[in-house]
Amino acid sequence: MHTLTEQLAPFGFRIIDVPLDGNCFFSSVSHQLYSDPKHSANLRKLTCDYIAEHQADLAHFLLDNEDFDEYLSDMREDGTWADNIAILSLSNALQIGIEIMQPSHPAVMINQTYPRRIRVGYVGESHYVSVVGGEERNEADREMVRQMIDQLRVTRARQVEMEAEQEEDEVPQPAPPQEEEDSEQHLPPALRKKNRKQAEQAREEPREPSRQRESKPKETKSTKKLTKAEKRAQRQKRARGEDSDS
């Protein structure tokens, strides 16, 4: 019991011991419900009545060679230790969840679906005690855990959004088409309008096929000298009175 006390003390719990008379489980539950362990006999009767009414649901929990009527008769006797059937039956009869705390082991919750619950401790070989306190500390711890979980969810959601945005940024986007530079943007509006009108008229007029200029043979320098010589010879002939046809 000392070990369980040390284990629960940091959480604000403390142990209330009950007599070691075989009724310790019912006495511990009685203390939880009424702050007094003296109502154990009534709780034992409530438990056994529930077992009798739900024989079809509970009989398969018995050992193979154990008779149901004999088991129920023994459980009604004062000082008979409560087993798992009795614990489950009392929880259902009261519609209360029963949390069983053990040293160096996780707590066991019986019927956690019930909104109300009580706590008992299991120490030694077969002894139950009442566990009290810790309500304010537990609620504060639960609220802190809820806030941490909510914060983790928000952080994770934001992280997913950032990863999605980063993936979108990494996708190469096509370059926007570049607008053609207007070479006339520096001109006055009237002149730009005139140039555009002339360009439209030029596009509308039919174009004549281009004529290639006939290339004339270039006269070489030697040809020009020969021509002068011929002219000189003709002038000499005329000066001598010679007929050019003779």
Protein backbone atom coordinates (compact mmCIF):
# COMPACT_ATOMS: atom_id res chain seq x y z
CA MET A 1 0.00 0.00 0.00
CA HIS A 2 2.94 2.32 0.66
CA THR A 3 4.07 1.94 -2.96
CA LEU A 4 0.67 2.90 -4.35
CA THR A 5 0.56 5.90 -2.01
CA GLU A 6 3.87 7.18 -3.35
CA GLN A 7 2.75 6.52 -6.92
CA LEU A 8 -0.50 8.48 -6.57
CA ALA A 9 0.73 11.33 -4.35
CA PRO A 10 2.18 13.46 -7.21
CA PHE A 11 -1.28 13.44 -8.82
CA GLY A 12 -3.04 14.67 -5.71
CA PHE A 13 -4.54 11.31 -4.71
CA ARG A 14 -4.50 9.71 -1.29
CA ILE A 15 -5.56 6.32 -0.02
CA ILE A 16 -8.28 5.55 2.53
CA ASP A 17 -7.78 2.06 3.95
CA VAL A 18 -10.68 -0.26 4.86
CA PRO A 19 -10.79 -3.42 7.03
CA LEU A 20 -9.12 -6.61 5.76
CA ASP A 21 -12.27 -8.73 6.25
CA GLY A 22 -12.99 -10.06 2.77
CA ASN A 23 -15.44 -7.23 2.16
CA CYS A 24 -12.76 -4.70 1.22
CA PHE A 25 -14.00 -4.14 -2.34
CA PHE A 26 -17.57 -3.41 -1.25
CA SER A 27 -16.29 -1.31 1.66
CA SER A 28 -14.09 0.73 -0.68
CA VAL A 29 -17.01 1.35 -3.03
CA SER A 30 -19.16 2.27 -0.03
CA HIS A 31 -16.59 4.86 1.01
CA GLN A 32 -16.51 6.27 -2.51
CA LEU A 33 -20.30 6.62 -2.62
CA TYR A 34 -21.14 7.54 0.97
CA SER A 35 -17.77 8.51 2.51
CA ASP A 36 -18.39 5.58 4.85
CA PRO A 37 -17.33 1.93 4.37
CA LYS A 38 -20.18 0.55 6.50
CA HIS A 39 -22.61 0.03 3.62
CA SER A 40 -20.68 -2.90 2.15
CA ALA A 41 -23.43 -5.47 2.98
CA ASN A 42 -26.03 -3.55 0.99
CA LEU A 43 -23.68 -3.26 -1.98
CA ARG A 44 -22.94 -7.00 -1.83
CA LYS A 45 -26.66 -7.78 -1.92
CA LEU A 46 -27.17 -5.39 -4.87
CA THR A 47 -24.33 -7.13 -6.70
CA CYS A 48 -25.66 -10.66 -6.15
CA ASP A 49 -29.17 -9.70 -7.15
CA TYR A 50 -27.84 -8.32 -10.42
CA ILE A 51 -25.89 -11.52 -11.06
CA ALA A 52 -29.00 -13.61 -10.47
CA GLU A 53 -31.05 -11.51 -12.89
CA HIS A 54 -28.38 -11.67 -15.61
CA GLN A 55 -27.36 -15.31 -15.36
CA ALA A 56 -27.50 -15.80 -19.14
CA ASP A 57 -25.00 -12.95 -19.67
CA LEU A 58 -22.62 -13.86 -16.83
CA ALA A 59 -22.62 -17.66 -16.58
CA HIS A 60 -19.98 -18.08 -19.32
CA PHE A 61 -17.48 -16.15 -17.15
CA LEU A 62 -17.46 -19.00 -14.61
CA LEU A 63 -14.95 -21.80 -14.63
CA ASP A 64 -15.91 -24.94 -16.57
CA ASN A 65 -16.51 -27.03 -13.46
CA GLU A 66 -18.17 -24.26 -11.45
CA ASP A 67 -21.92 -24.30 -10.81
CA PHE A 68 -23.71 -20.97 -11.17
CA ASP A 69 -26.05 -21.43 -8.20
CA GLU A 70 -23.20 -22.50 -5.97
CA TYR A 71 -21.12 -19.53 -7.10
CA LEU A 72 -23.97 -17.12 -6.37
CA SER A 73 -24.61 -18.64 -2.95
CA ASP A 74 -20.95 -18.24 -2.00
CA MET A 75 -20.86 -14.64 -3.25
CA ARG A 76 -23.79 -13.75 -0.99
CA GLU A 77 -21.81 -14.82 2.06
CA ASP A 78 -20.15 -12.10 4.14
CA GLY A 79 -16.39 -12.06 3.71
CA THR A 80 -16.29 -13.63 0.22
CA TRP A 81 -13.81 -11.82 -1.96
CA ALA A 82 -15.23 -9.97 -4.92
CA ASP A 83 -14.05 -11.28 -8.29
CA ASN A 84 -14.28 -9.85 -11.80
CA ILE A 85 -17.92 -10.94 -12.17
CA ALA A 86 -18.88 -9.17 -8.94
CA ILE A 87 -16.98 -5.99 -9.89
CA LEU A 88 -18.58 -5.85 -13.35
CA SER A 89 -22.02 -6.58 -11.95
CA LEU A 90 -21.83 -3.86 -9.29
CA SER A 91 -20.64 -1.35 -11.92
CA ASN A 92 -23.64 -2.18 -14.13
CA ALA A 93 -26.06 -2.19 -11.21
CA LEU A 94 -24.92 1.28 -10.09
CA GLN A 95 -24.29 2.48 -13.69
CA ILE A 96 -20.96 3.84 -12.54
CA GLY A 97 -17.52 3.33 -14.03
CA ILE A 98 -14.97 1.84 -11.61
CA GLU A 99 -11.30 2.78 -12.05
CA ILE A 100 -8.94 0.34 -10.35
CA MET A 101 -5.46 1.71 -9.64
CA GLN A 102 -2.54 -0.62 -9.06
CA PRO A 103 1.08 0.01 -8.10
CA SER A 104 3.48 -0.04 -11.07
CA HIS A 105 0.64 -0.86 -13.48
CA PRO A 106 -1.74 1.19 -15.61
CA ALA A 107 -5.18 1.81 -14.17
CA VAL A 108 -7.97 -0.52 -15.27
CA MET A 109 -11.30 1.06 -16.17
CA ILE A 110 -14.51 -0.95 -15.77
CA ASN A 111 -17.36 0.40 -17.91
CA GLN A 112 -15.80 3.68 -18.97
CA THR A 113 -18.94 4.53 -20.96
CA TYR A 114 -20.75 5.58 -17.79
CA PRO A 115 -20.43 9.35 -17.20
CA ARG A 116 -19.83 8.96 -13.47
CA ARG A 117 -16.90 6.99 -12.04
CA ILE A 118 -15.29 6.06 -8.75
CA ARG A 119 -11.71 5.04 -7.89
CA VAL A 120 -10.40 2.19 -5.82
CA GLY A 121 -6.90 0.88 -5.34
CA TYR A 122 -5.71 -2.74 -5.47
CA VAL A 123 -2.72 -3.41 -3.22
CA GLY A 124 -0.96 -6.42 -1.83
CA GLU A 125 -2.31 -9.77 -2.98
CA SER A 126 -6.06 -9.22 -2.65
CA HIS A 127 -6.87 -6.00 -0.85
CA TYR A 128 -8.90 -3.05 -2.09
CA VAL A 129 -8.76 0.52 -0.76
CA SER A 130 -10.59 3.74 -1.49
CA VAL A 131 -8.74 6.40 -3.53
CA VAL A 132 -9.80 10.01 -2.98
CA GLY A 133 -8.65 13.46 -4.11
CA GLY A 134 -7.06 14.48 -7.34
CA GLU A 135 -10.26 15.78 -8.94
CA GLU A 136 -9.06 19.36 -9.39
CA ARG A 137 -5.60 18.22 -10.45
CA ASN A 138 -7.03 15.69 -12.86
CA GLU A 139 -9.36 18.21 -14.45
CA ALA A 140 -6.52 20.71 -14.82
CA ASP A 141 -4.32 18.03 -16.36
CA ARG A 142 -7.07 16.96 -18.74
CA GLU A 143 -7.65 20.57 -19.80
CA MET A 144 -3.94 21.03 -20.39
CA VAL A 145 -3.83 17.85 -22.47
CA ARG A 146 -6.85 19.00 -24.50
CA GLN A 147 -5.17 22.33 -25.19
CA MET A 148 -1.96 20.59 -26.24
CA ILE A 149 -3.89 18.30 -28.58
CA ASP A 150 -5.77 21.24 -30.10
CA GLN A 151 -2.51 23.13 -30.58
CA LEU A 152 -0.91 20.12 -32.23
CA ARG A 153 -3.85 19.82 -34.59
CA VAL A 154 -3.62 23.49 -35.54
CA THR A 155 0.14 23.24 -36.01
CA ARG A 156 -0.20 20.12 -38.15
CA ALA A 157 -2.93 21.70 -40.26
CA ARG A 158 -0.76 24.77 -40.85
CA GLN A 159 2.21 22.57 -41.72
CA VAL A 160 0.14 20.72 -44.32
CA GLU A 161 -0.95 24.05 -45.83
CA MET A 162 2.64 25.29 -46.00
CA GLU A 163 3.79 22.06 -47.66
CA ALA A 164 1.00 22.37 -50.23
CA GLU A 165 1.92 26.01 -50.94
CA GLN A 166 5.58 25.06 -51.28
CA GLU A 167 4.73 22.34 -53.80
CA GLU A 168 2.72 24.86 -55.83
CA ASP A 169 5.62 27.31 -55.83
CA GLU A 170 8.01 24.64 -57.08
CA VAL A 171 5.89 23.90 -60.19
CA PRO A 172 7.43 25.88 -63.11
CA GLN A 173 4.95 28.37 -64.48
CA PRO A 174 4.96 29.28 -68.21
CA ALA A 175 6.46 32.66 -68.90
CA PRO A 176 3.83 35.28 -69.75
CA PRO A 177 3.87 36.37 -73.42
CA GLN A 178 5.93 39.47 -73.93
CA GLU A 179 4.15 42.28 -75.62
CA GLU A 180 5.80 43.61 -78.75
CA GLU A 181 7.53 46.86 -78.09
CA ASP A 182 5.81 49.75 -79.76
CA SER A 183 8.56 51.51 -81.69
CA GLU A 184 6.32 54.53 -82.20
CA GLN A 185 5.35 54.99 -78.57
CA HIS A 186 7.68 57.97 -78.30
CA LEU A 187 6.01 59.74 -81.25
CA PRO A 188 3.14 62.21 -80.87
CA PRO A 189 -0.32 60.64 -81.14
CA ALA A 190 -1.14 62.43 -84.39
CA LEU A 191 2.04 61.21 -86.10
CA ARG A 192 1.52 57.68 -84.84
CA LYS A 193 -2.01 57.72 -86.25
CA LYS A 194 -0.70 58.94 -89.62
CA ASN A 195 1.97 56.26 -89.81
CA ARG A 196 -0.53 53.53 -88.99
CA LYS A 197 -2.91 54.81 -91.68
CA GLN A 198 -0.11 54.77 -94.26
CA ALA A 199 0.85 51.27 -93.22
CA GLU A 200 -2.76 50.08 -93.64
CA GLN A 201 -2.98 51.67 -97.10
CA ALA A 202 0.27 50.03 -98.11
CA ARG A 203 -1.08 46.66 -97.10
CA GLU A 204 -4.28 47.23 -99.08
CA GLU A 205 -2.52 48.34 -102.41
CA PRO A 206 -1.53 45.45 -104.74
CA ARG A 207 2.15 45.05 -105.14
CA GLU A 208 3.72 44.90 -108.64
CA PRO A 209 6.25 42.20 -109.28
CA SER A 210 9.69 43.56 -108.78
CA ARG A 211 11.79 44.05 -111.92
CA GLN A 212 15.33 43.22 -111.87
CA ARG A 213 17.53 45.86 -113.34
CA GLU A 214 19.53 44.72 -116.32
CA SER A 215 23.09 44.83 -115.41
CA LYS A 216 25.21 46.73 -117.87
CA PRO A 217 28.69 45.56 -118.38
CA LYS A 218 31.07 47.90 -116.83
CA GLU A 219 33.51 49.43 -119.20
CA THR A 220 36.97 48.61 -118.25
CA LYS A 221 39.69 51.14 -118.32
CA SER A 222 41.37 49.47 -121.28
CA THR A 223 38.16 49.72 -123.35
CA LYS A 224 37.87 53.44 -122.72
CA LYS A 225 41.48 54.01 -123.97
CA LEU A 226 40.84 51.99 -127.14
CA THR A 227 37.83 54.12 -127.99
CA LYS A 228 39.83 57.33 -127.66
CA ALA A 229 42.51 55.87 -129.92
CA GLU A 230 39.93 55.07 -132.53
CA LYS A 231 38.54 58.55 -132.35
CA ARG A 232 42.00 60.04 -132.70
CA ALA A 233 42.74 57.89 -135.74
CA GLN A 234 39.51 59.00 -137.36
CA ARG A 235 40.32 62.66 -136.75
CA GLN A 236 43.76 62.17 -138.31
CA LYS A 237 42.24 60.57 -141.36
CA ARG A 238 39.81 63.42 -141.77
CA ALA A 239 42.63 65.91 -141.40
CA ARG A 240 44.46 64.21 -144.26
CA GLY A 241 41.29 64.30 -146.35
CA GLU A 242 41.00 60.57 -146.44
CA ASP A 243 37.58 59.07 -146.88
CA SER A 244 36.60 56.88 -144.08
CA ASP A 245 35.00 54.46 -146.52
CA SER A 246 38.09 54.04 -148.72
